[in-house]
C-alpha atoms as a PDB file:
ATOM      1  CA  MET A   1      10.864  20.920 -11.712  1.00  0.00           C
ATOM      2  CA  THR A   2      10.670  17.298 -10.617  1.00  0.00           C
ATOM      3  CA  THR A   3       7.519  15.504  -9.619  1.00  0.00           C
ATOM      4  CA  PRO A   4       6.866  14.415  -6.034  1.00  0.00           C
ATOM      5  CA  SER A   5       7.192  10.779  -7.119  1.00  0.00           C
ATOM      6  CA  ALA A   6      10.616  11.459  -8.624  1.00  0.00           C
ATOM      7  CA  GLN A   7      11.702  13.169  -5.421  1.00  0.00           C
ATOM      8  CA  ARG A   8      10.494  10.200  -3.361  1.00  0.00           C
ATOM      9  CA  ARG A   9      12.315   7.782  -5.659  1.00  0.00           C
ATOM     10  CA  ALA A  10      15.552   9.764  -5.288  1.00  0.00           C
ATOM     11  CA  ARG A  11      15.195   9.894  -1.493  1.00  0.00           C
ATOM     12  CA  LEU A  12      14.560   6.149  -1.299  1.00  0.00           C
ATOM     13  CA  ARG A  13      17.600   5.418  -3.480  1.00  0.00           C
ATOM     14  CA  ARG A  14      19.782   7.576  -1.218  1.00  0.00           C
ATOM     15  CA  GLN A  15      18.564   5.496   1.732  1.00  0.00           C
ATOM     16  CA  GLY A  16      19.482   2.293  -0.085  1.00  0.00           C
ATOM     17  CA  ILE A  17      15.866   1.255  -0.793  1.00  0.00           C
ATOM     18  CA  ARG A  18      14.715   0.141  -4.226  1.00  0.00           C
ATOM     19  CA  PRO A  19      11.618   2.251  -4.951  1.00  0.00           C
ATOM     20  CA  ARG A  20       8.496   0.506  -6.229  1.00  0.00           C
ATOM     21  CA  ILE A  21       6.399   3.608  -6.907  1.00  0.00           C
ATOM     22  CA  LEU A  22       4.230   3.141  -9.986  1.00  0.00           C
ATOM     23  CA  HIS A  23       4.983   5.374 -12.962  1.00  0.00           C
ATOM     24  CA  MET A  24       2.244   7.648 -14.267  1.00  0.00           C
ATOM     25  CA  ALA A  25       1.767   8.954 -17.779  1.00  0.00           C
ATOM     26  CA  ARG A  26       1.487  12.715 -18.203  1.00  0.00           C
ATOM     27  CA  ARG A  27      -0.007  14.839 -20.916  1.00  0.00           C
ATOM     28  CA  ASN A  28       2.046  14.470 -24.107  1.00  0.00           C
ATOM     29  CA  ARG A  29       4.379  12.084 -22.290  1.00  0.00           C
ATOM     30  CA  PRO A  30       3.231   8.449 -22.477  1.00  0.00           C
ATOM     31  CA  LEU A  31       4.943   5.722 -20.514  1.00  0.00           C
ATOM     32  CA  THR A  32       7.937   4.013 -22.045  1.00  0.00           C
ATOM     33  CA  ASP A  33       7.938   0.254 -22.571  1.00  0.00           C
ATOM     34  CA  ARG A  34      10.213  -0.197 -19.566  1.00  0.00           C
ATOM     35  CA  GLN A  35       7.891   1.850 -17.336  1.00  0.00           C
ATOM     36  CA  CYS A  36       4.885  -0.204 -18.481  1.00  0.00           C
ATOM     37  CA  TYR A  37       6.799  -3.409 -17.735  1.00  0.00           C
ATOM     38  CA  GLU A  38       7.809  -2.190 -14.251  1.00  0.00           C
ATOM     39  CA  ASN A  39       4.241  -1.131 -13.465  1.00  0.00           C
ATOM     40  CA  ARG A  40       2.959  -4.576 -14.472  1.00  0.00           C
ATOM     41  CA  CYS A  41       5.528  -6.354 -12.314  1.00  0.00           C
ATOM     42  CA  TRP A  42       4.927  -4.194  -9.263  1.00  0.00           C
ATOM     43  CA  SER A  43       1.139  -4.239  -9.627  1.00  0.00           C
ATOM     44  CA  ARG A  44       1.004  -8.026  -9.317  1.00  0.00           C
ATOM     45  CA  VAL A  45       2.421  -7.856  -5.812  1.00  0.00           C
ATOM     46  CA  ARG A  46       0.755  -4.617  -4.848  1.00  0.00           C
ATOM     47  CA  CYS A  47      -2.789  -5.738  -5.705  1.00  0.00           C
ATOM     48  CA  GLN A  48      -2.480  -8.738  -3.375  1.00  0.00           C
ATOM     49  CA  ILE A  49      -1.409  -6.528  -0.489  1.00  0.00           C
ATOM     50  CA  GLU A  50      -3.852  -3.686  -1.078  1.00  0.00           C
ATOM     51  CA  ARG A  51      -6.823  -6.061  -1.249  1.00  0.00           C
ATOM     52  CA  VAL A  52      -6.871  -5.957   2.554  1.00  0.00           C
ATOM     53  CA  PHE A  53      -7.623  -2.250   2.879  1.00  0.00           C
ATOM     54  CA  PRO A  54     -11.129  -2.225   1.341  1.00  0.00           C
ATOM     55  CA  ASP A  55     -12.015  -5.126   3.644  1.00  0.00           C
ATOM     56  CA  TRP A  56     -10.872  -3.122   6.640  1.00  0.00           C
ATOM     57  CA  LYS A  57     -12.847  -0.090   5.513  1.00  0.00           C
ATOM     58  CA  GLU A  58     -16.086  -1.956   4.804  1.00  0.00           C
ATOM     59  CA  ARG A  59     -16.211  -4.691   7.424  1.00  0.00           C
ATOM     60  CA  ARG A  60     -13.966  -3.443  10.191  1.00  0.00           C
ATOM     61  CA  SER A  61     -15.173   0.167  10.586  1.00  0.00           C
ATOM     62  CA  LEU A  62     -11.875   1.685   9.530  1.00  0.00           C
ATOM     63  CA  TRP A  63     -13.347   4.094   7.005  1.00  0.00           C
ATOM     64  CA  ARG A  64     -12.831   6.877   9.534  1.00  0.00           C
ATOM     65  CA  ALA A  65     -11.059   7.369  12.835  1.00  0.00           C
ATOM     66  CA  ARG A  66     -13.266   6.330  15.739  1.00  0.00           C
ATOM     67  CA  ASP A  67     -11.467   8.056  18.590  1.00  0.00           C
ATOM     68  CA  LEU A  68      -9.847  11.355  19.325  1.00  0.00           C
ATOM     69  CA  GLY A  69      -6.130  11.085  19.801  1.00  0.00           C
ATOM     70  CA  LEU A  70      -3.359   9.294  17.996  1.00  0.00           C
ATOM     71  CA  ALA A  71      -2.707   6.710  20.721  1.00  0.00           C
ATOM     72  CA  ARG A  72      -6.259   5.327  20.741  1.00  0.00           C
ATOM     73  CA  ASN A  73      -6.491   5.236  16.961  1.00  0.00           C
ATOM     74  CA  THR A  74      -3.105   3.519  16.741  1.00  0.00           C
ATOM     75  CA  LEU A  75      -4.273   0.912  19.257  1.00  0.00           C
ATOM     76  CA  HIS A  76      -7.491   0.380  17.290  1.00  0.00           C
ATOM     77  CA  VAL A  77      -5.592  -0.206  14.047  1.00  0.00           C
ATOM     78  CA  MET A  78      -3.075  -2.522  15.724  1.00  0.00           C
ATOM     79  CA  LEU A  79      -5.860  -4.637  17.232  1.00  0.00           C
ATOM     80  CA  LEU A  80      -7.559  -4.738  13.850  1.00  0.00           C
ATOM     81  CA  VAL A  81      -4.346  -5.979  12.229  1.00  0.00           C
ATOM     82  CA  VAL A  82      -3.945  -8.667  14.899  1.00  0.00           C
ATOM     83  CA  ALA A  83      -7.551  -9.811  14.421  1.00  0.00           C
ATOM     84  CA  HIS A  84      -7.114  -9.870  10.645  1.00  0.00           C
ATOM     85  CA  ASN A  85      -3.925 -11.927  10.870  1.00  0.00           C
ATOM     86  CA  LEU A  86      -5.522 -14.386  13.313  1.00  0.00           C
ATOM     87  CA  ARG A  87      -8.430 -14.823  10.904  1.00  0.00           C
ATOM     88  CA  ARG A  88      -6.003 -15.432   8.025  1.00  0.00           C
ATOM     89  CA  TRP A  89      -3.994 -17.843  10.148  1.00  0.00           C
ATOM     90  CA  THR A  90      -7.045 -19.987  10.897  1.00  0.00           C
ATOM     91  CA  VAL A  91      -7.902 -20.153   7.200  1.00  0.00           C
ATOM     92  CA  LEU A  92      -4.326 -20.953   6.178  1.00  0.00           C
ATOM     93  CA  ALA A  93      -3.930 -23.568   8.934  1.00  0.00           C
ATOM     94  CA  GLN A  94      -6.874 -25.559   7.545  1.00  0.00           C
ATOM     95  CA  THR A  95      -5.172 -26.125   4.199  1.00  0.00           C
END
């Protein structure tokens, strides 16, 4: 039986996408040196991207859905992303 992560990796490879899913150690099966190296490489990029999500949850009221319905919640998230990018743009433009 394969793990869900292994199934996702196989599906992504079939679609021509290089998977960047982190490897996890299991009981009596530690990570190999190559898996540790890949996790380190991918985590450097991933931590920079995922830093945004706690900010959205704490400061931007995204810790739960505010509205009923997918369309309104999608609009709320899209507006939040636009506001976040505008804020980043003003900070980056000053440098």
